[in-house]
């Protein structure tokens, strides 16, 4: 009987430690995905007039703060303005967007 109780005690200890390990791992995963310290950013739109040296890439560089990769941002601007290509002309107006954590 004494040997059987030892085996049961070992099984209980293994189960207990396994549960504790699973709970600890779960809390680590939750903490890793917690974005509560990150500031919320809002998307704002503005109209700009194209200048002589402007390209969609220079506009992306000015207005995209890194929330999107360059090509995604440029493609979104093309779609937003119903453009057929990436060619922009001096004096024309286009709509662009940017992100800010400031409420306006």
PDB file of N, CA and C in Angstrom:
ATOM      1  N   UNK A   1       0.817  -1.200   0.000  1.00  0.00           N
ATOM      2  CA  UNK A   1       0.000   0.000   0.000  1.00  0.00           C
ATOM      3  C   UNK A   1       0.861   1.265   0.000  1.00  0.00           C
ATOM      4  N   UNK A   2       1.964   1.208   0.750  1.00  0.00           N
ATOM      5  CA  UNK A   2       2.806   2.373   0.849  1.00  0.00           C
ATOM      6  C   UNK A   2       3.366   2.762  -0.513  1.00  0.00           C
ATOM      7  N   UNK A   3       3.745   1.833  -1.373  1.00  0.00           N
ATOM      8  CA  UNK A   3       4.272   2.095  -2.713  1.00  0.00           C
ATOM      9  C   UNK A   3       3.210   2.699  -3.607  1.00  0.00           C
ATOM     10  N   UNK A   4       1.989   2.226  -3.473  1.00  0.00           N
ATOM     11  CA  UNK A   4       0.889   2.746  -4.292  1.00  0.00           C
ATOM     12  C   UNK A   4       0.586   4.200  -3.927  1.00  0.00           C
ATOM     13  N   UNK A   5       0.645   4.563  -2.655  1.00  0.00           N
ATOM     14  CA  UNK A   5       0.424   5.947  -2.224  1.00  0.00           C
ATOM     15  C   UNK A   5       1.512   6.869  -2.757  1.00  0.00           C
ATOM     16  N   UNK A   6       2.749   6.368  -2.811  1.00  0.00           N
ATOM     17  CA  UNK A   6       3.857   7.157  -3.344  1.00  0.00           C
ATOM     18  C   UNK A   6       3.645   7.453  -4.825  1.00  0.00           C
ATOM     19  N   UNK A   7       3.200   6.444  -5.564  1.00  0.00           N
ATOM     20  CA  UNK A   7       2.937   6.616  -6.996  1.00  0.00           C
ATOM     21  C   UNK A   7       1.817   7.631  -7.201  1.00  0.00           C
ATOM     22  N   UNK A   8       0.751   7.532  -6.395  1.00  0.00           N
ATOM     23  CA  UNK A   8      -0.355   8.474  -6.497  1.00  0.00           C
ATOM     24  C   UNK A   8       0.094   9.898  -6.163  1.00  0.00           C
ATOM     25  N   UNK A   9       0.959  10.021  -5.158  1.00  0.00           N
ATOM     26  CA  UNK A   9       1.477  11.334  -4.780  1.00  0.00           C
ATOM     27  C   UNK A   9       2.314  11.933  -5.915  1.00  0.00           C
ATOM     28  N   UNK A  10       3.140  11.115  -6.549  1.00  0.00           N
ATOM     29  CA  UNK A  10       3.954  11.570  -7.675  1.00  0.00           C
ATOM     30  C   UNK A  10       3.044  12.022  -8.821  1.00  0.00           C
ATOM     31  N   UNK A  11       1.985  11.265  -9.121  1.00  0.00           N
ATOM     32  CA  UNK A  11       1.042  11.627 -10.185  1.00  0.00           C
ATOM     33  C   UNK A  11       0.374  12.967  -9.874  1.00  0.00           C
ATOM     34  N   UNK A  12      -0.040  13.167  -8.619  1.00  0.00           N
ATOM     35  CA  UNK A  12      -0.682  14.419  -8.221  1.00  0.00           C
ATOM     36  C   UNK A  12       0.298  15.583  -8.372  1.00  0.00           C
ATOM     37  N   UNK A  13       1.557  15.381  -7.960  1.00  0.00           N
ATOM     38  CA  UNK A  13       2.560  16.432  -8.087  1.00  0.00           C
ATOM     39  C   UNK A  13       2.836  16.766  -9.555  1.00  0.00           C
ATOM     40  N   UNK A  14       2.918  15.762 -10.405  1.00  0.00           N
ATOM     41  CA  UNK A  14       3.153  15.991 -11.838  1.00  0.00           C
ATOM     42  C   UNK A  14       1.996  16.777 -12.441  1.00  0.00           C
ATOM     43  N   UNK A  15       0.784  16.392 -12.123  1.00  0.00           N
ATOM     44  CA  UNK A  15      -0.401  17.084 -12.638  1.00  0.00           C
ATOM     45  C   UNK A  15      -0.424  18.523 -12.139  1.00  0.00           C
ATOM     46  N   UNK A  16      -0.125  18.726 -10.857  1.00  0.00           N
ATOM     47  CA  UNK A  16      -0.129  20.067 -10.275  1.00  0.00           C
ATOM     48  C   UNK A  16       0.900  20.961 -10.950  1.00  0.00           C
ATOM     49  N   UNK A  17       2.123  20.461 -11.117  1.00  0.00           N
ATOM     50  CA  UNK A  17       3.160  21.251 -11.774  1.00  0.00           C
ATOM     51  C   UNK A  17       2.828  21.510 -13.245  1.00  0.00           C
ATOM     52  N   UNK A  18       2.215  20.544 -13.901  1.00  0.00           N
ATOM     53  CA  UNK A  18       1.821  20.730 -15.304  1.00  0.00           C
ATOM     54  C   UNK A  18       0.782  21.837 -15.436  1.00  0.00           C
ATOM     55  N   UNK A  19      -0.195  21.830 -14.559  1.00  0.00           N
ATOM     56  CA  UNK A  19      -1.233  22.874 -14.578  1.00  0.00           C
ATOM     57  C   UNK A  19      -0.609  24.237 -14.299  1.00  0.00           C
ATOM     58  N   UNK A  20       0.283  24.308 -13.331  1.00  0.00           N
ATOM     59  CA  UNK A  20       0.942  25.573 -13.007  1.00  0.00           C
ATOM     60  C   UNK A  20       1.762  26.083 -14.200  1.00  0.00           C
ATOM     61  N   UNK A  21       2.435  25.167 -14.893  1.00  0.00           N
ATOM     62  CA  UNK A  21       3.235  25.554 -16.051  1.00  0.00           C
ATOM     63  C   UNK A  21       2.345  26.076 -17.175  1.00  0.00           C
ATOM     64  N   UNK A  22       1.218  25.432 -17.408  1.00  0.00           N
ATOM     65  CA  UNK A  22       0.286  25.863 -18.456  1.00  0.00           C
ATOM     66  C   UNK A  22      -0.271  27.245 -18.123  1.00  0.00           C
ATOM     67  N   UNK A  23      -0.638  27.471 -16.881  1.00  0.00           N
ATOM     68  CA  UNK A  23      -1.168  28.775 -16.467  1.00  0.00           C
ATOM     69  C   UNK A  23      -0.100  29.851 -16.633  1.00  0.00           C
ATOM     70  N   UNK A  24       1.134  29.563 -16.231  1.00  0.00           N
ATOM     71  CA  UNK A  24       2.228  30.533 -16.376  1.00  0.00           C
ATOM     72  C   UNK A  24       2.490  30.851 -17.837  1.00  0.00           C
ATOM     73  N   UNK A  25       2.505  29.850 -18.681  1.00  0.00           N
ATOM     74  CA  UNK A  25       2.733  30.051 -20.103  1.00  0.00           C
ATOM     75  C   UNK A  25       1.613  30.887 -20.704  1.00  0.00           C
ATOM     76  N   UNK A  26       0.384  30.632 -20.298  1.00  0.00           N
ATOM     77  CA  UNK A  26      -0.761  31.400 -20.785  1.00  0.00           C
ATOM     78  C   UNK A  26      -0.648  32.864 -20.413  1.00  0.00           C
ATOM     79  N   UNK A  27      -0.211  33.157 -19.209  1.00  0.00           N
ATOM     80  CA  UNK A  27      -0.086  34.570 -18.807  1.00  0.00           C
ATOM     81  C   UNK A  27       1.059  35.250 -19.537  1.00  0.00           C
ATOM     82  N   UNK A  28       2.110  34.530 -19.875  1.00  0.00           N
ATOM     83  CA  UNK A  28       3.216  35.102 -20.641  1.00  0.00           C
ATOM     84  C   UNK A  28       2.732  35.462 -22.046  1.00  0.00           C
ATOM     85  N   UNK A  29       1.962  34.582 -22.660  1.00  0.00           N
ATOM     86  CA  UNK A  29       1.436  34.836 -23.997  1.00  0.00           C
ATOM     87  C   UNK A  29       0.512  36.049 -23.972  1.00  0.00           C
ATOM     88  N   UNK A  30      -0.341  36.161 -22.974  1.00  0.00           N
ATOM     89  CA  UNK A  30      -1.248  37.300 -22.867  1.00  0.00           C
ATOM     90  C   UNK A  30      -0.458  38.591 -22.703  1.00  0.00           C
ATOM     91  N   UNK A  31       0.579  38.587 -21.867  1.00  0.00           N
ATOM     92  CA  UNK A  31       1.384  39.781 -21.660  1.00  0.00           C
ATOM     93  C   UNK A  31       2.125  40.166 -22.928  1.00  0.00           C
ATOM     94  N   UNK A  32       2.583  39.190 -23.704  1.00  0.00           N
ATOM     95  CA  UNK A  32       3.306  39.480 -24.932  1.00  0.00           C
ATOM     96  C   UNK A  32       2.408  40.144 -25.962  1.00  0.00           C
ATOM     97  N   UNK A  33       1.124  39.847 -25.944  1.00  0.00           N
ATOM     98  CA  UNK A  33       0.223  40.425 -26.936  1.00  0.00           C
ATOM     99  C   UNK A  33      -0.547  41.623 -26.393  1.00  0.00           C
ATOM    100  N   UNK A  34      -0.223  42.063 -25.198  1.00  0.00           N
ATOM    101  CA  UNK A  34      -0.918  43.190 -24.588  1.00  0.00           C
ATOM    102  C   UNK A  34      -0.387  44.495 -25.180  1.00  0.00           C
ATOM    103  N   UNK A  35      -1.250  45.237 -25.857  1.00  0.00           N
ATOM    104  CA  UNK A  35      -0.861  46.503 -26.465  1.00  0.00           C
ATOM    105  C   UNK A  35      -1.425  47.690 -25.704  1.00  0.00           C
ATOM    106  N   UNK A  36      -1.741  47.516 -24.425  1.00  0.00           N
ATOM    107  CA  UNK A  36      -2.377  48.582 -23.661  1.00  0.00           C
ATOM    108  C   UNK A  36      -1.456  49.785 -23.461  1.00  0.00           C
ATOM    109  N   UNK A  37      -0.141  49.576 -23.559  1.00  0.00           N
ATOM    110  CA  UNK A  37       0.794  50.685 -23.389  1.00  0.00           C
ATOM    111  C   UNK A  37       0.930  51.505 -24.677  1.00  0.00           C
ATOM    112  N   UNK A  38       0.446  50.971 -25.780  1.00  0.00           N
ATOM    113  CA  UNK A  38       0.546  51.640 -27.072  1.00  0.00           C
ATOM    114  C   UNK A  38      -0.536  52.703 -27.198  1.00  0.00           C
ATOM    115  N   UNK A  39      -0.151  53.878 -27.685  1.00  0.00           N
ATOM    116  CA  UNK A  39      -1.116  54.948 -27.866  1.00  0.00           C
ATOM    117  C   UNK A  39      -2.023  54.622 -29.045  1.00  0.00           C
ATOM    118  N   UNK A  40      -3.291  54.965 -28.900  1.00  0.00           N
ATOM    119  CA  UNK A  40      -4.234  54.775 -29.995  1.00  0.00           C
ATOM    120  C   UNK A  40      -3.999  55.869 -31.028  1.00  0.00           C
ATOM    121  N   UNK A  41      -3.962  55.472 -32.302  1.00  0.00           N
ATOM    122  CA  UNK A  41      -3.763  56.449 -33.361  1.00  0.00           C
ATOM    123  C   UNK A  41      -5.007  56.523 -34.224  1.00  0.00           C
ATOM    124  N   UNK A  42      -5.273  57.719 -34.714  1.00  0.00           N
ATOM    125  CA  UNK A  42      -6.447  57.989 -35.525  1.00  0.00           C
ATOM    126  C   UNK A  42      -5.998  58.361 -36.935  1.00  0.00           C
ATOM    127  N   UNK A  43      -6.808  57.991 -37.923  1.00  0.00           N
ATOM    128  CA  UNK A  43      -6.492  58.328 -39.313  1.00  0.00           C
ATOM    129  C   UNK A  43      -7.215  59.624 -39.675  1.00  0.00           C
ATOM    130  N   UNK A  44      -6.442  60.563 -40.240  1.00  0.00           N
ATOM    131  CA  UNK A  44      -6.985  61.838 -40.689  1.00  0.00           C
ATOM    132  C   UNK A  44      -6.684  62.017 -42.173  1.00  0.00           C
ATOM    133  N   UNK A  45      -7.572  62.733 -42.849  1.00  0.00           N
ATOM    134  CA  UNK A  45      -7.433  62.985 -44.279  1.00  0.00           C
ATOM    135  C   UNK A  45      -7.212  64.474 -44.510  1.00  0.00           C
ATOM    136  N   UNK A  46      -6.429  64.778 -45.528  1.00  0.00           N
ATOM    137  CA  UNK A  46      -6.211  66.162 -45.916  1.00  0.00           C
ATOM    138  C   UNK A  46      -5.994  66.219 -47.420  1.00  0.00           C
ATOM    139  N   UNK A  47      -6.322  67.341 -48.004  1.00  0.00           N
ATOM    140  CA  UNK A  47      -6.102  67.559 -49.424  1.00  0.00           C
ATOM    141  C   UNK A  47      -4.804  68.342 -49.594  1.00  0.00           C
ATOM    142  N   UNK A  48      -3.998  67.918 -50.554  1.00  0.00           N
ATOM    143  CA  UNK A  48      -2.751  68.631 -50.822  1.00  0.00           C
ATOM    144  C   UNK A  48      -2.697  69.016 -52.299  1.00  0.00           C
ATOM    145  N   UNK A  49      -1.983  70.085 -52.583  1.00  0.00           N
ATOM    146  CA  UNK A  49      -1.740  70.508 -53.959  1.00  0.00           C
ATOM    147  C   UNK A  49      -0.354  70.018 -54.358  1.00  0.00           C
ATOM    148  N   UNK A  50      -0.283  69.349 -55.486  1.00  0.00           N
ATOM    149  CA  UNK A  50       0.973  68.771 -55.950  1.00  0.00           C
ATOM    150  C   UNK A  50       1.926  69.882 -56.385  1.00  0.00           C
ATOM    151  N   UNK A  51       3.149  69.809 -55.870  1.00  0.00           N
ATOM    152  CA  UNK A  51       4.208  70.754 -56.219  1.00  0.00           C
ATOM    153  C   UNK A  51       5.089  70.147 -57.313  1.00  0.00           C
ATOM    154  N   UNK A  52       5.991  70.948 -57.831  1.00  0.00           N
ATOM    155  CA  UNK A  52       6.864  70.556 -58.948  1.00  0.00           C
ATOM    156  C   UNK A  52       7.595  69.233 -58.727  1.00  0.00           C
ATOM    157  N   UNK A  53       8.229  69.065 -57.586  1.00  0.00           N
ATOM    158  CA  UNK A  53       9.075  67.889 -57.358  1.00  0.00           C
ATOM    159  C   UNK A  53       8.352  66.743 -56.645  1.00  0.00           C
ATOM    160  N   UNK A  54       7.053  66.870 -56.416  1.00  0.00           N
ATOM    161  CA  UNK A  54       6.315  65.830 -55.694  1.00  0.00           C
ATOM    162  C   UNK A  54       6.165  64.552 -56.515  1.00  0.00           C
ATOM    163  N   UNK A  55       6.307  63.430 -55.826  1.00  0.00           N
ATOM    164  CA  UNK A  55       5.962  62.110 -56.365  1.00  0.00           C
ATOM    165  C   UNK A  55       5.131  61.427 -55.300  1.00  0.00           C
ATOM    166  N   UNK A  56       4.480  60.345 -55.658  1.00  0.00           N
ATOM    167  CA  UNK A  56       3.739  59.616 -54.630  1.00  0.00           C
ATOM    168  C   UNK A  56       4.677  59.088 -53.551  1.00  0.00           C
ATOM    169  N   UNK A  57       5.918  58.805 -53.924  1.00  0.00           N
ATOM    170  CA  UNK A  57       6.887  58.301 -52.952  1.00  0.00           C
ATOM    171  C   UNK A  57       7.319  59.399 -51.991  1.00  0.00           C
ATOM    172  N   UNK A  58       7.486  60.614 -52.488  1.00  0.00           N
ATOM    173  CA  UNK A  58       7.855  61.714 -51.585  1.00  0.00           C
ATOM    174  C   UNK A  58       6.680  62.084 -50.679  1.00  0.00           C
ATOM    175  N   UNK A  59       5.467  61.972 -51.221  1.00  0.00           N
ATOM    176  CA  UNK A  59       4.270  62.236 -50.409  1.00  0.00           C
ATOM    177  C   UNK A  59       4.124  61.153 -49.341  1.00  0.00           C
ATOM    178  N   UNK A  60       4.363  59.911 -49.730  1.00  0.00           N
ATOM    179  CA  UNK A  60       4.307  58.805 -48.759  1.00  0.00           C
ATOM    180  C   UNK A  60       5.313  59.036 -47.651  1.00  0.00           C
ATOM    181  N   UNK A  61       6.505  59.464 -48.022  1.00  0.00           N
ATOM    182  CA  UNK A  61       7.562  59.705 -47.044  1.00  0.00           C
ATOM    183  C   UNK A  61       7.162  60.797 -46.056  1.00  0.00           C
ATOM    184  N   UNK A  62       6.402  61.781 -46.515  1.00  0.00           N
ATOM    185  CA  UNK A  62       5.992  62.894 -45.667  1.00  0.00           C
ATOM    186  C   UNK A  62       4.796  62.542 -44.770  1.00  0.00           C
ATOM    187  N   UNK A  63       3.820  61.782 -45.285  1.00  0.00           N
ATOM    188  CA  UNK A  63       2.573  61.581 -44.556  1.00  0.00           C
ATOM    189  C   UNK A  63       2.426  60.210 -43.878  1.00  0.00           C
ATOM    190  N   UNK A  64       3.141  59.203 -44.348  1.00  0.00           N
ATOM    191  CA  UNK A  64       3.044  57.876 -43.732  1.00  0.00           C
ATOM    192  C   UNK A  64       4.055  57.782 -42.601  1.00  0.00           C
ATOM    193  N   UNK A  65       3.560  57.646 -41.375  1.00  0.00           N
ATOM    194  CA  UNK A  65       4.473  57.624 -40.220  1.00  0.00           C
ATOM    195  C   UNK A  65       4.935  56.221 -39.864  1.00  0.00           C
ATOM    196  N   UNK A  66       4.815  55.289 -40.790  1.00  0.00           N
ATOM    197  CA  UNK A  66       5.289  53.931 -40.540  1.00  0.00           C
ATOM    198  C   UNK A  66       4.196  52.955 -40.175  1.00  0.00           C
ATOM    199  N   UNK A  67       2.951  53.399 -40.138  1.00  0.00           N
ATOM    200  CA  UNK A  67       1.852  52.483 -39.833  1.00  0.00           C
ATOM    201  C   UNK A  67       1.617  51.491 -40.963  1.00  0.00           C
ATOM    202  N   UNK A  68       2.011  51.847 -42.165  1.00  0.00           N
ATOM    203  CA  UNK A  68       1.833  50.984 -43.331  1.00  0.00           C
ATOM    204  C   UNK A  68       3.142  50.936 -44.106  1.00  0.00           C
ATOM    205  N   UNK A  69       3.354  49.837 -44.846  1.00  0.00           N
ATOM    206  CA  UNK A  69       4.547  49.824 -45.688  1.00  0.00           C
ATOM    207  C   UNK A  69       4.324  50.769 -46.868  1.00  0.00           C
ATOM    208  N   UNK A  70       5.402  51.179 -47.507  1.00  0.00           N
ATOM    209  CA  UNK A  70       5.353  52.197 -48.559  1.00  0.00           C
ATOM    210  C   UNK A  70       4.378  51.845 -49.678  1.00  0.00           C
ATOM    211  N   UNK A  71       4.481  50.634 -50.203  1.00  0.00           N
ATOM    212  CA  UNK A  71       3.632  50.251 -51.337  1.00  0.00           C
ATOM    213  C   UNK A  71       2.158  50.226 -50.968  1.00  0.00           C
ATOM    214  N   UNK A  72       1.834  49.762 -49.778  1.00  0.00           N
ATOM    215  CA  UNK A  72       0.439  49.747 -49.337  1.00  0.00           C
ATOM    216  C   UNK A  72      -0.095  51.169 -49.262  1.00  0.00           C
ATOM    217  N   UNK A  73       0.671  52.071 -48.675  1.00  0.00           N
ATOM    218  CA  UNK A  73       0.236  53.461 -48.550  1.00  0.00           C
ATOM    219  C   UNK A  73       0.018  54.068 -49.935  1.00  0.00           C
ATOM    220  N   UNK A  74       0.984  53.918 -50.833  1.00  0.00           N
ATOM    221  CA  UNK A  74       0.877  54.495 -52.173  1.00  0.00           C
ATOM    222  C   UNK A  74      -0.316  53.909 -52.927  1.00  0.00           C
ATOM    223  N   UNK A  75      -0.495  52.593 -52.864  1.00  0.00           N
ATOM    224  CA  UNK A  75      -1.646  51.970 -53.520  1.00  0.00           C
ATOM    225  C   UNK A  75      -2.959  52.484 -52.941  1.00  0.00           C
ATOM    226  N   UNK A  76      -3.006  52.704 -51.640  1.00  0.00           N
ATOM    227  CA  UNK A  76      -4.218  53.250 -51.017  1.00  0.00           C
ATOM    228  C   UNK A  76      -4.499  54.679 -51.495  1.00  0.00           C
ATOM    229  N   UNK A  77      -3.460  55.483 -51.673  1.00  0.00           N
ATOM    230  CA  UNK A  77      -3.640  56.843 -52.176  1.00  0.00           C
ATOM    231  C   UNK A  77      -4.150  56.811 -53.624  1.00  0.00           C
ATOM    232  N   UNK A  78      -3.600  55.912 -54.426  1.00  0.00           N
ATOM    233  CA  UNK A  78      -4.057  55.758 -55.813  1.00  0.00           C
ATOM    234  C   UNK A  78      -5.539  55.395 -55.837  1.00  0.00           C
ATOM    235  N   UNK A  79      -5.950  54.432 -55.009  1.00  0.00           N
ATOM    236  CA  UNK A  79      -7.360  54.026 -54.950  1.00  0.00           C
ATOM    237  C   UNK A  79      -8.238  55.140 -54.395  1.00  0.00           C
ATOM    238  N   UNK A  80      -7.782  55.795 -53.346  1.00  0.00           N
ATOM    239  CA  UNK A  80      -8.558  56.852 -52.702  1.00  0.00           C
ATOM    240  C   UNK A  80      -8.884  57.978 -53.687  1.00  0.00           C
ATOM    241  N   UNK A  81      -7.965  58.244 -54.600  1.00  0.00           N
ATOM    242  CA  UNK A  81      -8.133  59.332 -55.557  1.00  0.00           C
ATOM    243  C   UNK A  81      -8.587  58.855 -56.942  1.00  0.00           C
ATOM    244  N   UNK A  82      -8.985  57.596 -57.044  1.00  0.00           N
ATOM    245  CA  UNK A  82      -9.450  57.016 -58.316  1.00  0.00           C
ATOM    246  C   UNK A  82      -8.470  57.283 -59.458  1.00  0.00           C
ATOM    247  N   UNK A  83      -7.181  57.121 -59.163  1.00  0.00           N
ATOM    248  CA  UNK A  83      -6.138  57.363 -60.157  1.00  0.00           C
ATOM    249  C   UNK A  83      -5.921  56.098 -60.988  1.00  0.00           C
ATOM    250  N   UNK A  84      -5.544  56.273 -62.248  1.00  0.00           N
ATOM    251  CA  UNK A  84      -5.270  55.143 -63.134  1.00  0.00           C
ATOM    252  C   UNK A  84      -3.803  54.729 -63.104  1.00  0.00           C
ATOM    253  N   UNK A  85      -2.940  55.607 -62.572  1.00  0.00           N
ATOM    254  CA  UNK A  85      -1.507  55.311 -62.499  1.00  0.00           C
ATOM    255  C   UNK A  85      -0.909  56.075 -61.327  1.00  0.00           C
ATOM    256  N   UNK A  86       0.410  55.964 -61.205  1.00  0.00           N
ATOM    257  CA  UNK A  86       1.088  56.669 -60.114  1.00  0.00           C
ATOM    258  C   UNK A  86       1.611  58.039 -60.547  1.00  0.00           C
ATOM    259  N   UNK A  87       1.187  58.501 -61.705  1.00  0.00           N
ATOM    260  CA  UNK A  87       1.617  59.794 -62.225  1.00  0.00           C
ATOM    261  C   UNK A  87       0.754  60.898 -61.609  1.00  0.00           C
ATOM    262  N   UNK A  88       1.428  61.915 -61.049  1.00  0.00           N
ATOM    263  CA  UNK A  88       0.715  63.072 -60.505  1.00  0.00           C
ATOM    264  C   UNK A  88       1.253  64.323 -61.184  1.00  0.00           C
ATOM    265  N   UNK A  89       0.387  65.319 -61.329  1.00  0.00           N
ATOM    266  CA  UNK A  89       0.764  66.526 -62.061  1.00  0.00           C
ATOM    267  C   UNK A  89       0.734  67.745 -61.152  1.00  0.00           C
ATOM    268  N   UNK A  90       1.737  68.607 -61.360  1.00  0.00           N
ATOM    269  CA  UNK A  90       1.839  69.849 -60.603  1.00  0.00           C
ATOM    270  C   UNK A  90       0.522  70.625 -60.702  1.00  0.00           C
ATOM    271  N   UNK A  91       0.075  71.126 -59.552  1.00  0.00           N
ATOM    272  CA  UNK A  91      -1.137  71.930 -59.502  1.00  0.00           C
ATOM    273  C   UNK A  91      -2.402  71.137 -59.215  1.00  0.00           C
ATOM    274  N   UNK A  92      -2.354  69.825 -59.396  1.00  0.00           N
ATOM    275  CA  UNK A  92      -3.551  69.030 -59.096  1.00  0.00           C
ATOM    276  C   UNK A  92      -3.650  68.796 -57.586  1.00  0.00           C
ATOM    277  N   UNK A  93      -4.846  68.510 -57.137  1.00  0.00           N
ATOM    278  CA  UNK A  93      -5.086  68.236 -55.714  1.00  0.00           C
ATOM    279  C   UNK A  93      -5.386  66.753 -55.540  1.00  0.00           C
ATOM    280  N   UNK A  94      -4.813  66.184 -54.493  1.00  0.00           N
ATOM    281  CA  UNK A  94      -5.145  64.797 -54.157  1.00  0.00           C
ATOM    282  C   UNK A  94      -5.414  64.707 -52.654  1.00  0.00           C
ATOM    283  N   UNK A  95      -6.140  63.683 -52.325  1.00  0.00           N
ATOM    284  CA  UNK A  95      -6.455  63.415 -50.930  1.00  0.00           C
ATOM    285  C   UNK A  95      -5.437  62.422 -50.390  1.00  0.00           C
ATOM    286  N   UNK A  96      -4.851  62.730 -49.243  1.00  0.00           N
ATOM    287  CA  UNK A  96      -3.911  61.835 -48.573  1.00  0.00           C
ATOM    288  C   UNK A  96      -4.370  61.660 -47.130  1.00  0.00           C
ATOM    289  N   UNK A  97      -3.785  60.700 -46.451  1.00  0.00           N
ATOM    290  CA  UNK A  97      -4.117  60.501 -45.041  1.00  0.00           C
ATOM    291  C   UNK A  97      -2.847  60.324 -44.227  1.00  0.00           C
ATOM    292  N   UNK A  98      -3.002  60.543 -42.951  1.00  0.00           N
ATOM    293  CA  UNK A  98      -1.904  60.374 -41.997  1.00  0.00           C
ATOM    294  C   UNK A  98      -2.485  59.915 -40.671  1.00  0.00           C
ATOM    295  N   UNK A  99      -1.633  59.442 -39.797  1.00  0.00           N
ATOM    296  CA  UNK A  99      -2.064  58.968 -38.481  1.00  0.00           C
ATOM    297  C   UNK A  99      -1.532  59.887 -37.391  1.00  0.00           C
ATOM    298  N   UNK A 100      -2.336  60.073 -36.356  1.00  0.00           N
ATOM    299  CA  UNK A 100      -1.896  60.869 -35.221  1.00  0.00           C
ATOM    300  C   UNK A 100      -2.580  60.338 -33.962  1.00  0.00           C
ATOM    301  N   UNK A 101      -1.891  60.447 -32.841  1.00  0.00           N
ATOM    302  CA  UNK A 101      -2.523  60.058 -31.565  1.00  0.00           C
ATOM    303  C   UNK A 101      -3.285  61.232 -30.959  1.00  0.00           C
ATOM    304  N   UNK A 102      -3.262  62.379 -31.634  1.00  0.00           N
ATOM    305  CA  UNK A 102      -3.983  63.572 -31.186  1.00  0.00           C
ATOM    306  C   UNK A 102      -5.396  63.562 -31.745  1.00  0.00           C
ATOM    307  N   UNK A 103      -6.391  63.801 -30.918  1.00  0.00           N
ATOM    308  CA  UNK A 103      -7.763  63.911 -31.376  1.00  0.00           C
ATOM    309  C   UNK A 103      -7.972  65.323 -31.893  1.00  0.00           C
ATOM    310  N   UNK A 104      -8.453  65.433 -33.109  1.00  0.00           N
ATOM    311  CA  UNK A 104      -8.616  66.760 -33.730  1.00  0.00           C
ATOM    312  C   UNK A 104     -10.067  67.064 -33.973  1.00  0.00           C
TER     313      UNK A 104
END
